Each structure stands twice: as structure tokens, then as C-alpha cells.
Amino acid sequence: MGRGRDELKRIENKINRQVTFAKRRNGLLKKGYELSVLCDAEVALIVFSNRGKLYEFCSSSSMMKTLEKYQRCSYGTLDTSRSISETQVALKQSSYQEYLKLKARVEVLQRSQRNLLGEDLEDSKLNSEKELDCHNLEVEKPQSDKSKVLCEESNHSQNEVVAASLYGEG
């Protein structure tokens, strides 16, 4: 009887995991080489260790040429007229548009928060003292709750704007 298959799971012992990685990595690179020689196949292997170290094998003269060929084959059916740089420009434009939307939302939330806190009342439609007193009575209790919610939304939106601006610049 043959050995039964054990479930694949992460090796907990750090040293054993490193030894297994080295052996399997070398075996994988050897298989890639054998496949390219025996079958005249163009093979490219890229392996990153858990520490970020790069291991690679390419049967052709250039890894970049093989990767470009891969991109043409896998993404060429989607949109052959678009190059990688055009895709990057479109991505930056959409990121910038998202940034502008988030920035506008932050401004609206901040304006709303100022109105709830009693600032910028000249913009509101409450002109007379009587209306203002009635409004204060209605708003007094839920004001603190709304203010907290608006502060949280404003802070969240500001964080999104910062993240979008960093992403758009990068």
C-alpha cells in the first residue's frame, strides 16, 4: 500500500520551514530547466521567499521579454490598443477623480458640522431669533450625537482623501 496524502499545511518550525523552502525551490528551478530543455519550452519562474529574497529562472535570454510576451498573451485579448503606460495614466486619472470627490465630501461634512456647532450661521436660513430658539430646542439633544457622527465621518473621509492623494501621487 502506498502512503496516503497528508493535508498541506504551513510548517510551524522555522528552521524546518526554511530547509523545506530551499529544497523545494531548488527542485522547482530544476524542473523548470528540464522542461525548457526537454520540450523546448520558454519557461520563466519567479519565487520570493518570505523575507522578500528573489529567486528566478528564465530559459530565454531575457526575463523582461518573456514577461512582455506573457502580458501580450494574457491581456492582449482584453484591449490590444492599450499599452501599460496608457493603463497607468487612466488609473491615475481615476484616482485623482476619486480624490476630488472625497475632498468635496469632506468640505460638505465640515460645513455641516460647523452649522451644527453654531458656526457659519449666516449661510443657514434661520434669520430670526424666534426661529433660532425653536431650532435650538429641537436640535439641542440630538446635536451631540449628530456632531459625533459627523466628526467620525469627516475624519474617515479625510483619511480617505489623504490615502487617495498619496496613491494618486505614487
N, C-alpha and C. Protein backbone atom coordinates (compact mmCIF):
# COMPACT_ATOMS: atom_id res chain seq x y z
N MET A 1 0.84 -1.18 0.00
CA MET A 1 0.00 0.00 0.00
C MET A 1 0.88 1.24 0.00
N GLY A 2 0.42 2.24 -0.74
CA GLY A 2 1.15 3.49 -0.81
C GLY A 2 0.83 4.41 0.34
N ARG A 3 1.62 5.42 0.45
CA ARG A 3 1.38 6.40 1.51
C ARG A 3 0.18 7.26 1.16
N GLY A 4 -0.62 7.53 2.13
CA GLY A 4 -1.77 8.41 1.92
C GLY A 4 -1.31 9.86 1.86
N ARG A 5 -2.08 10.66 1.20
CA ARG A 5 -1.73 12.08 1.09
C ARG A 5 -2.08 12.80 2.38
N ASP A 6 -1.13 13.51 2.90
CA ASP A 6 -1.39 14.34 4.08
C ASP A 6 -1.85 15.70 3.61
N GLU A 7 -2.60 16.34 4.47
CA GLU A 7 -3.09 17.69 4.17
C GLU A 7 -1.90 18.65 4.18
N LEU A 8 -1.83 19.50 3.16
CA LEU A 8 -0.78 20.50 3.12
C LEU A 8 -1.09 21.60 4.12
N LYS A 9 -0.13 21.90 4.96
CA LYS A 9 -0.31 22.99 5.90
C LYS A 9 1.05 23.61 6.18
N ARG A 10 1.03 24.78 6.71
CA ARG A 10 2.25 25.55 6.98
C ARG A 10 3.11 24.79 8.00
N ILE A 11 4.41 24.78 7.74
CA ILE A 11 5.36 24.16 8.66
C ILE A 11 5.63 25.15 9.78
N GLU A 12 5.35 24.76 11.00
CA GLU A 12 5.45 25.68 12.14
C GLU A 12 6.89 25.94 12.55
N ASN A 13 7.75 24.93 12.50
CA ASN A 13 9.14 25.09 12.90
C ASN A 13 9.87 25.92 11.85
N LYS A 14 10.44 27.03 12.28
CA LYS A 14 11.07 27.99 11.37
C LYS A 14 12.24 27.37 10.60
N ILE A 15 13.07 26.60 11.27
CA ILE A 15 14.24 26.00 10.62
C ILE A 15 13.80 24.96 9.60
N ASN A 16 12.87 24.09 10.00
CA ASN A 16 12.36 23.08 9.06
C ASN A 16 11.69 23.74 7.85
N ARG A 17 10.97 24.83 8.10
CA ARG A 17 10.30 25.55 7.01
C ARG A 17 11.33 26.10 6.02
N GLN A 18 12.43 26.66 6.54
CA GLN A 18 13.48 27.23 5.68
C GLN A 18 14.17 26.13 4.87
N VAL A 19 14.45 25.00 5.50
CA VAL A 19 15.10 23.88 4.81
C VAL A 19 14.18 23.36 3.71
N THR A 20 12.91 23.19 4.02
CA THR A 20 11.94 22.71 3.03
C THR A 20 11.82 23.69 1.88
N PHE A 21 11.80 25.00 2.19
CA PHE A 21 11.73 26.01 1.14
C PHE A 21 12.92 25.89 0.20
N ALA A 22 14.12 25.78 0.75
CA ALA A 22 15.33 25.71 -0.07
C ALA A 22 15.30 24.47 -0.97
N LYS A 23 14.92 23.32 -0.41
CA LYS A 23 14.88 22.09 -1.20
C LYS A 23 13.83 22.17 -2.31
N ARG A 24 12.64 22.62 -1.95
CA ARG A 24 11.56 22.69 -2.95
C ARG A 24 11.84 23.76 -4.00
N ARG A 25 12.42 24.87 -3.59
CA ARG A 25 12.78 25.92 -4.54
C ARG A 25 13.78 25.38 -5.55
N ASN A 26 14.81 24.71 -5.08
CA ASN A 26 15.81 24.14 -5.99
C ASN A 26 15.18 23.10 -6.91
N GLY A 27 14.27 22.29 -6.37
CA GLY A 27 13.59 21.30 -7.19
C GLY A 27 12.73 21.95 -8.26
N LEU A 28 12.05 23.03 -7.88
CA LEU A 28 11.20 23.75 -8.84
C LEU A 28 12.04 24.37 -9.95
N LEU A 29 13.15 25.00 -9.59
CA LEU A 29 14.03 25.60 -10.59
C LEU A 29 14.62 24.52 -11.52
N LYS A 30 14.97 23.37 -10.95
CA LYS A 30 15.49 22.26 -11.75
C LYS A 30 14.43 21.76 -12.73
N LYS A 31 13.19 21.62 -12.25
CA LYS A 31 12.10 21.18 -13.13
C LYS A 31 11.86 22.18 -14.26
N GLY A 32 11.95 23.46 -13.95
CA GLY A 32 11.80 24.48 -14.99
C GLY A 32 12.87 24.35 -16.06
N TYR A 33 14.10 24.14 -15.62
CA TYR A 33 15.21 23.96 -16.57
C TYR A 33 14.98 22.72 -17.42
N GLU A 34 14.61 21.61 -16.78
CA GLU A 34 14.38 20.37 -17.51
C GLU A 34 13.25 20.51 -18.52
N LEU A 35 12.18 21.18 -18.14
CA LEU A 35 11.05 21.40 -19.05
C LEU A 35 11.49 22.21 -20.26
N SER A 36 12.31 23.23 -20.04
CA SER A 36 12.75 24.06 -21.16
C SER A 36 13.67 23.29 -22.10
N VAL A 37 14.54 22.44 -21.56
CA VAL A 37 15.47 21.69 -22.40
C VAL A 37 14.77 20.55 -23.12
N LEU A 38 14.01 19.74 -22.40
CA LEU A 38 13.39 18.56 -22.98
C LEU A 38 12.28 18.90 -23.97
N CYS A 39 11.51 19.93 -23.68
CA CYS A 39 10.34 20.23 -24.50
C CYS A 39 10.50 21.50 -25.32
N ASP A 40 11.66 22.12 -25.27
CA ASP A 40 11.92 23.36 -26.00
C ASP A 40 10.85 24.41 -25.68
N ALA A 41 10.52 24.51 -24.40
CA ALA A 41 9.50 25.46 -23.95
C ALA A 41 10.18 26.70 -23.38
N GLU A 42 9.50 27.82 -23.51
CA GLU A 42 10.00 29.05 -22.90
C GLU A 42 9.44 29.11 -21.48
N VAL A 43 10.32 29.04 -20.50
CA VAL A 43 9.92 28.94 -19.10
C VAL A 43 10.48 30.13 -18.32
N ALA A 44 9.63 30.71 -17.48
CA ALA A 44 10.08 31.77 -16.57
C ALA A 44 9.49 31.46 -15.20
N LEU A 45 10.35 31.39 -14.20
CA LEU A 45 9.92 31.14 -12.83
C LEU A 45 10.38 32.30 -11.95
N ILE A 46 9.49 32.79 -11.12
CA ILE A 46 9.82 33.85 -10.17
C ILE A 46 9.35 33.39 -8.80
N VAL A 47 10.25 33.37 -7.84
CA VAL A 47 9.92 32.94 -6.48
C VAL A 47 10.46 33.98 -5.50
N PHE A 48 9.61 34.40 -4.58
CA PHE A 48 10.04 35.29 -3.50
C PHE A 48 9.96 34.52 -2.19
N SER A 49 11.02 34.58 -1.41
CA SER A 49 10.98 33.94 -0.09
C SER A 49 10.14 34.80 0.84
N ASN A 50 9.87 34.27 2.03
CA ASN A 50 9.07 35.04 2.98
C ASN A 50 9.83 36.27 3.49
N ARG A 51 11.11 36.33 3.26
CA ARG A 51 11.90 37.51 3.61
C ARG A 51 12.05 38.47 2.44
N GLY A 52 11.46 38.13 1.31
CA GLY A 52 11.48 39.01 0.16
C GLY A 52 12.63 38.78 -0.81
N LYS A 53 13.44 37.74 -0.60
CA LYS A 53 14.55 37.47 -1.49
C LYS A 53 14.02 36.85 -2.79
N LEU A 54 14.56 37.32 -3.90
CA LEU A 54 14.11 36.90 -5.23
C LEU A 54 14.94 35.73 -5.74
N TYR A 55 14.25 34.72 -6.28
CA TYR A 55 14.87 33.60 -6.98
C TYR A 55 14.16 33.50 -8.32
N GLU A 56 14.93 33.40 -9.40
CA GLU A 56 14.30 33.36 -10.71
C GLU A 56 15.05 32.44 -11.66
N PHE A 57 14.31 31.97 -12.65
CA PHE A 57 14.88 31.19 -13.73
C PHE A 57 14.16 31.59 -15.00
N CYS A 58 14.93 31.78 -16.06
CA CYS A 58 14.34 32.09 -17.36
C CYS A 58 15.10 31.32 -18.42
N SER A 59 14.38 30.60 -19.25
CA SER A 59 15.03 29.80 -20.28
C SER A 59 15.46 30.63 -21.48
N SER A 60 14.80 31.77 -21.69
CA SER A 60 15.18 32.62 -22.82
C SER A 60 16.27 33.59 -22.37
N SER A 61 16.67 34.47 -23.26
CA SER A 61 17.76 35.38 -22.96
C SER A 61 17.36 36.48 -21.98
N SER A 62 16.08 36.81 -21.93
CA SER A 62 15.66 37.93 -21.09
C SER A 62 14.33 37.63 -20.39
N MET A 63 14.32 37.84 -19.09
CA MET A 63 13.08 37.67 -18.32
C MET A 63 12.06 38.71 -18.76
N MET A 64 12.50 39.93 -19.06
CA MET A 64 11.59 41.00 -19.47
C MET A 64 10.87 40.64 -20.77
N LYS A 65 11.59 40.06 -21.72
CA LYS A 65 10.96 39.67 -22.97
C LYS A 65 9.89 38.60 -22.73
N THR A 66 10.18 37.67 -21.86
CA THR A 66 9.21 36.62 -21.54
C THR A 66 8.00 37.22 -20.84
N LEU A 67 8.22 38.15 -19.92
CA LEU A 67 7.10 38.79 -19.22
C LEU A 67 6.26 39.64 -20.17
N GLU A 68 6.91 40.34 -21.09
CA GLU A 68 6.17 41.13 -22.08
C GLU A 68 5.32 40.21 -22.96
N LYS A 69 5.89 39.09 -23.34
CA LYS A 69 5.15 38.11 -24.14
C LYS A 69 3.95 37.59 -23.35
N TYR A 70 4.15 37.33 -22.06
CA TYR A 70 3.05 36.89 -21.20
C TYR A 70 1.95 37.94 -21.13
N GLN A 71 2.33 39.20 -20.96
CA GLN A 71 1.34 40.27 -20.88
C GLN A 71 0.57 40.41 -22.18
N ARG A 72 1.26 40.31 -23.31
CA ARG A 72 0.58 40.40 -24.60
C ARG A 72 -0.43 39.26 -24.76
N CYS A 73 -0.04 38.07 -24.34
CA CYS A 73 -0.94 36.92 -24.49
C CYS A 73 -2.11 36.97 -23.53
N SER A 74 -1.86 37.32 -22.29
CA SER A 74 -2.95 37.26 -21.31
C SER A 74 -3.82 38.50 -21.31
N TYR A 75 -3.26 39.66 -21.57
CA TYR A 75 -4.06 40.89 -21.53
C TYR A 75 -4.38 41.41 -22.93
N GLY A 76 -3.76 40.84 -23.94
CA GLY A 76 -3.98 41.30 -25.31
C GLY A 76 -5.39 41.09 -25.79
N THR A 77 -6.06 40.05 -25.32
CA THR A 77 -7.42 39.79 -25.75
C THR A 77 -8.40 40.80 -25.16
N LEU A 78 -8.03 41.41 -24.03
CA LEU A 78 -8.94 42.37 -23.41
C LEU A 78 -8.95 43.69 -24.17
N ASP A 79 -7.77 44.23 -24.45
CA ASP A 79 -7.69 45.52 -25.13
C ASP A 79 -6.30 45.65 -25.73
N THR A 80 -6.15 45.28 -26.99
CA THR A 80 -4.84 45.28 -27.61
C THR A 80 -4.31 46.67 -27.90
N SER A 81 -5.20 47.67 -27.97
CA SER A 81 -4.74 49.01 -28.31
C SER A 81 -4.15 49.76 -27.12
N ARG A 82 -4.43 49.30 -25.93
CA ARG A 82 -3.95 50.00 -24.73
C ARG A 82 -2.61 49.44 -24.29
N SER A 83 -1.66 50.30 -24.10
CA SER A 83 -0.37 49.87 -23.57
C SER A 83 -0.39 49.98 -22.06
N ILE A 84 0.65 49.51 -21.44
CA ILE A 84 0.73 49.55 -19.98
C ILE A 84 0.75 50.99 -19.50
N SER A 85 1.47 51.87 -20.18
CA SER A 85 1.55 53.26 -19.74
C SER A 85 0.19 53.95 -19.85
N GLU A 86 -0.59 53.64 -20.88
CA GLU A 86 -1.92 54.23 -21.00
C GLU A 86 -2.82 53.75 -19.87
N THR A 87 -2.67 52.50 -19.49
CA THR A 87 -3.44 51.96 -18.38
C THR A 87 -3.07 52.66 -17.08
N GLN A 88 -1.78 52.91 -16.89
CA GLN A 88 -1.33 53.61 -15.68
C GLN A 88 -1.86 55.04 -15.65
N VAL A 89 -1.88 55.73 -16.79
CA VAL A 89 -2.42 57.09 -16.85
C VAL A 89 -3.90 57.09 -16.50
N ALA A 90 -4.64 56.14 -17.05
CA ALA A 90 -6.07 56.05 -16.76
C ALA A 90 -6.30 55.77 -15.28
N LEU A 91 -5.47 54.92 -14.70
CA LEU A 91 -5.60 54.62 -13.28
C LEU A 91 -5.33 55.85 -12.43
N LYS A 92 -4.31 56.63 -12.79
CA LYS A 92 -4.01 57.86 -12.05
C LYS A 92 -5.14 58.87 -12.18
N GLN A 93 -5.74 58.96 -13.37
CA GLN A 93 -6.85 59.89 -13.56
C GLN A 93 -8.04 59.49 -12.72
N SER A 94 -8.36 58.21 -12.69
CA SER A 94 -9.50 57.78 -11.88
C SER A 94 -9.20 57.96 -10.40
N SER A 95 -7.95 57.77 -10.00
CA SER A 95 -7.58 58.01 -8.60
C SER A 95 -7.72 59.48 -8.26
N TYR A 96 -7.33 60.36 -9.18
CA TYR A 96 -7.45 61.79 -8.93
C TYR A 96 -8.92 62.20 -8.85
N GLN A 97 -9.76 61.63 -9.70
CA GLN A 97 -11.19 61.93 -9.65
C GLN A 97 -11.78 61.47 -8.32
N GLU A 98 -11.37 60.32 -7.85
CA GLU A 98 -11.83 59.83 -6.55
C GLU A 98 -11.36 60.76 -5.45
N TYR A 99 -10.14 61.23 -5.55
CA TYR A 99 -9.59 62.18 -4.58
C TYR A 99 -10.43 63.45 -4.55
N LEU A 100 -10.79 63.98 -5.72
CA LEU A 100 -11.60 65.21 -5.76
C LEU A 100 -12.98 64.99 -5.15
N LYS A 101 -13.59 63.83 -5.42
CA LYS A 101 -14.89 63.52 -4.83
C LYS A 101 -14.81 63.46 -3.31
N LEU A 102 -13.77 62.79 -2.81
CA LEU A 102 -13.61 62.68 -1.36
C LEU A 102 -13.33 64.03 -0.73
N LYS A 103 -12.55 64.85 -1.41
CA LYS A 103 -12.24 66.19 -0.90
C LYS A 103 -13.52 67.02 -0.81
N ALA A 104 -14.37 66.96 -1.83
CA ALA A 104 -15.64 67.69 -1.81
C ALA A 104 -16.53 67.18 -0.68
N ARG A 105 -16.54 65.88 -0.47
CA ARG A 105 -17.36 65.31 0.61
C ARG A 105 -16.86 65.79 1.97
N VAL A 106 -15.55 65.87 2.15
CA VAL A 106 -15.00 66.37 3.41
C VAL A 106 -15.44 67.81 3.64
N GLU A 107 -15.39 68.63 2.59
CA GLU A 107 -15.80 70.03 2.72
C GLU A 107 -17.28 70.13 3.11
N VAL A 108 -18.13 69.32 2.50
CA VAL A 108 -19.56 69.34 2.83
C VAL A 108 -19.77 68.91 4.28
N LEU A 109 -19.09 67.85 4.69
CA LEU A 109 -19.24 67.38 6.07
C LEU A 109 -18.73 68.41 7.07
N GLN A 110 -17.62 69.08 6.75
CA GLN A 110 -17.10 70.09 7.66
C GLN A 110 -18.05 71.28 7.75
N ARG A 111 -18.63 71.69 6.63
CA ARG A 111 -19.59 72.80 6.63
C ARG A 111 -20.82 72.42 7.46
N SER A 112 -21.30 71.21 7.29
CA SER A 112 -22.45 70.73 8.05
C SER A 112 -22.12 70.68 9.54
N GLN A 113 -20.92 70.25 9.86
CA GLN A 113 -20.51 70.20 11.26
C GLN A 113 -20.45 71.61 11.86
N ARG A 114 -19.91 72.57 11.12
CA ARG A 114 -19.85 73.96 11.61
C ARG A 114 -21.25 74.50 11.85
N ASN A 115 -22.19 74.19 10.95
CA ASN A 115 -23.57 74.64 11.14
C ASN A 115 -24.19 74.03 12.39
N LEU A 116 -23.93 72.75 12.62
CA LEU A 116 -24.48 72.10 13.81
C LEU A 116 -23.87 72.65 15.09
N LEU A 117 -22.62 73.08 15.02
CA LEU A 117 -21.96 73.62 16.20
C LEU A 117 -22.26 75.10 16.42
N GLY A 118 -23.02 75.71 15.50
CA GLY A 118 -23.40 77.10 15.66
C GLY A 118 -22.50 78.07 14.92
N GLU A 119 -21.56 77.58 14.18
CA GLU A 119 -20.68 78.43 13.38
C GLU A 119 -21.29 78.58 11.99
N ASP A 120 -20.91 79.60 11.26
CA ASP A 120 -21.37 79.84 9.88
C ASP A 120 -22.89 79.91 9.78
N LEU A 121 -23.53 80.56 10.73
CA LEU A 121 -24.99 80.65 10.70
C LEU A 121 -25.48 81.60 9.62
N GLU A 122 -24.62 82.46 9.09
CA GLU A 122 -25.08 83.36 8.03
C GLU A 122 -25.47 82.60 6.77
N ASP A 123 -24.95 81.41 6.61
CA ASP A 123 -25.31 80.60 5.45
C ASP A 123 -26.64 79.90 5.64
N SER A 124 -27.06 79.72 6.87
CA SER A 124 -28.31 78.99 7.10
C SER A 124 -29.50 79.91 6.89
N LYS A 125 -30.66 79.31 6.84
CA LYS A 125 -31.89 80.05 6.56
C LYS A 125 -32.60 80.49 7.84
N LEU A 126 -31.96 80.34 8.99
CA LEU A 126 -32.56 80.73 10.27
C LEU A 126 -32.22 82.19 10.53
N ASN A 127 -33.14 83.09 10.22
CA ASN A 127 -32.84 84.51 10.31
C ASN A 127 -33.30 85.14 11.62
N SER A 128 -34.45 84.78 12.07
CA SER A 128 -34.98 85.46 13.25
C SER A 128 -34.58 84.72 14.52
N GLU A 129 -34.59 85.46 15.64
CA GLU A 129 -34.24 84.86 16.91
C GLU A 129 -35.25 83.79 17.32
N LYS A 130 -36.51 84.05 16.99
CA LYS A 130 -37.56 83.09 17.35
C LYS A 130 -37.32 81.75 16.66
N GLU A 131 -37.03 81.79 15.37
CA GLU A 131 -36.74 80.56 14.65
C GLU A 131 -35.51 79.88 15.22
N LEU A 132 -34.53 80.69 15.59
CA LEU A 132 -33.30 80.16 16.14
C LEU A 132 -33.55 79.47 17.48
N ASP A 133 -34.38 80.08 18.33
CA ASP A 133 -34.71 79.47 19.62
C ASP A 133 -35.45 78.15 19.43
N CYS A 134 -36.43 78.14 18.53
CA CYS A 134 -37.17 76.89 18.25
C CYS A 134 -36.22 75.82 17.72
N HIS A 135 -35.36 76.25 16.84
CA HIS A 135 -34.41 75.31 16.25
C HIS A 135 -33.47 74.76 17.33
N ASN A 136 -33.01 75.61 18.24
CA ASN A 136 -32.13 75.17 19.32
C ASN A 136 -32.80 74.12 20.19
N LEU A 137 -34.08 74.31 20.49
CA LEU A 137 -34.79 73.34 21.31
C LEU A 137 -34.88 71.99 20.61
N GLU A 138 -35.10 72.02 19.30
CA GLU A 138 -35.22 70.78 18.54
C GLU A 138 -33.87 70.07 18.40
N VAL A 139 -32.83 70.87 18.30
CA VAL A 139 -31.52 70.32 17.96
C VAL A 139 -30.68 70.01 19.20
N GLU A 140 -31.00 70.61 20.33
CA GLU A 140 -30.15 70.53 21.49
C GLU A 140 -29.75 69.09 21.84
N LYS A 141 -30.71 68.19 21.95
CA LYS A 141 -30.39 66.82 22.35
C LYS A 141 -29.66 66.04 21.26
N PRO A 142 -30.22 65.97 20.04
CA PRO A 142 -29.52 65.14 19.04
C PRO A 142 -28.25 65.80 18.49
N GLN A 143 -28.00 67.07 18.88
CA GLN A 143 -26.84 67.77 18.33
C GLN A 143 -25.54 67.06 18.67
N SER A 144 -25.41 66.63 19.91
CA SER A 144 -24.16 65.98 20.29
C SER A 144 -23.98 64.67 19.54
N ASP A 145 -25.08 63.92 19.37
CA ASP A 145 -24.99 62.66 18.63
C ASP A 145 -24.62 62.91 17.17
N LYS A 146 -25.31 63.89 16.56
CA LYS A 146 -25.02 64.19 15.16
C LYS A 146 -23.60 64.72 15.01
N SER A 147 -23.17 65.52 15.95
CA SER A 147 -21.83 66.08 15.90
C SER A 147 -20.78 64.97 15.96
N LYS A 148 -21.01 64.00 16.83
CA LYS A 148 -20.07 62.88 16.92
C LYS A 148 -20.02 62.11 15.60
N VAL A 149 -21.19 61.83 15.04
CA VAL A 149 -21.26 61.08 13.79
C VAL A 149 -20.58 61.86 12.67
N LEU A 150 -20.86 63.17 12.60
CA LEU A 150 -20.24 63.98 11.56
C LEU A 150 -18.73 64.06 11.74
N CYS A 151 -18.28 64.17 12.97
CA CYS A 151 -16.83 64.20 13.23
C CYS A 151 -16.19 62.90 12.75
N GLU A 152 -16.83 61.77 13.07
CA GLU A 152 -16.29 60.49 12.66
C GLU A 152 -16.29 60.37 11.14
N GLU A 153 -17.39 60.77 10.49
CA GLU A 153 -17.45 60.71 9.02
C GLU A 153 -16.42 61.64 8.41
N SER A 154 -16.28 62.82 8.98
CA SER A 154 -15.31 63.79 8.47
C SER A 154 -13.89 63.24 8.60
N ASN A 155 -13.57 62.68 9.76
CA ASN A 155 -12.24 62.11 9.95
C ASN A 155 -12.00 60.94 9.00
N HIS A 156 -13.01 60.10 8.83
CA HIS A 156 -12.89 58.96 7.91
C HIS A 156 -12.67 59.45 6.48
N SER A 157 -13.46 60.45 6.08
CA SER A 157 -13.32 60.98 4.72
C SER A 157 -11.97 61.65 4.54
N GLN A 158 -11.49 62.36 5.56
CA GLN A 158 -10.18 62.98 5.46
C GLN A 158 -9.10 61.92 5.29
N ASN A 159 -9.22 60.82 6.02
CA ASN A 159 -8.25 59.73 5.88
C ASN A 159 -8.30 59.15 4.47
N GLU A 160 -9.50 59.03 3.91
CA GLU A 160 -9.62 58.52 2.54
C GLU A 160 -9.01 59.50 1.55
N VAL A 161 -9.19 60.81 1.79
CA VAL A 161 -8.61 61.82 0.89
C VAL A 161 -7.09 61.75 0.94
N VAL A 162 -6.54 61.62 2.14
CA VAL A 162 -5.09 61.52 2.28
C VAL A 162 -4.58 60.27 1.57
N ALA A 163 -5.27 59.15 1.79
CA ALA A 163 -4.86 57.90 1.14
C ALA A 163 -4.98 58.01 -0.37
N ALA A 164 -6.06 58.62 -0.86
CA ALA A 164 -6.24 58.76 -2.30
C ALA A 164 -5.18 59.69 -2.88
N SER A 165 -4.83 60.76 -2.17
CA SER A 165 -3.82 61.67 -2.69
C SER A 165 -2.46 61.01 -2.71
N LEU A 166 -2.14 60.22 -1.68
CA LEU A 166 -0.87 59.51 -1.67
C LEU A 166 -0.83 58.49 -2.79
N TYR A 167 -1.93 57.78 -3.02
CA TYR A 167 -1.99 56.78 -4.07
C TYR A 167 -1.90 57.44 -5.44
N GLY A 168 -2.56 58.58 -5.59
CA GLY A 168 -2.55 59.28 -6.88
C GLY A 168 -1.19 59.83 -7.22
N GLU A 169 -0.41 60.23 -6.20
CA GLU A 169 0.91 60.76 -6.44
C GLU A 169 1.92 59.66 -6.71
N GLY A 170 1.68 58.47 -6.17
CA GLY A 170 2.66 57.38 -6.24
C GLY A 170 2.58 56.68 -7.46
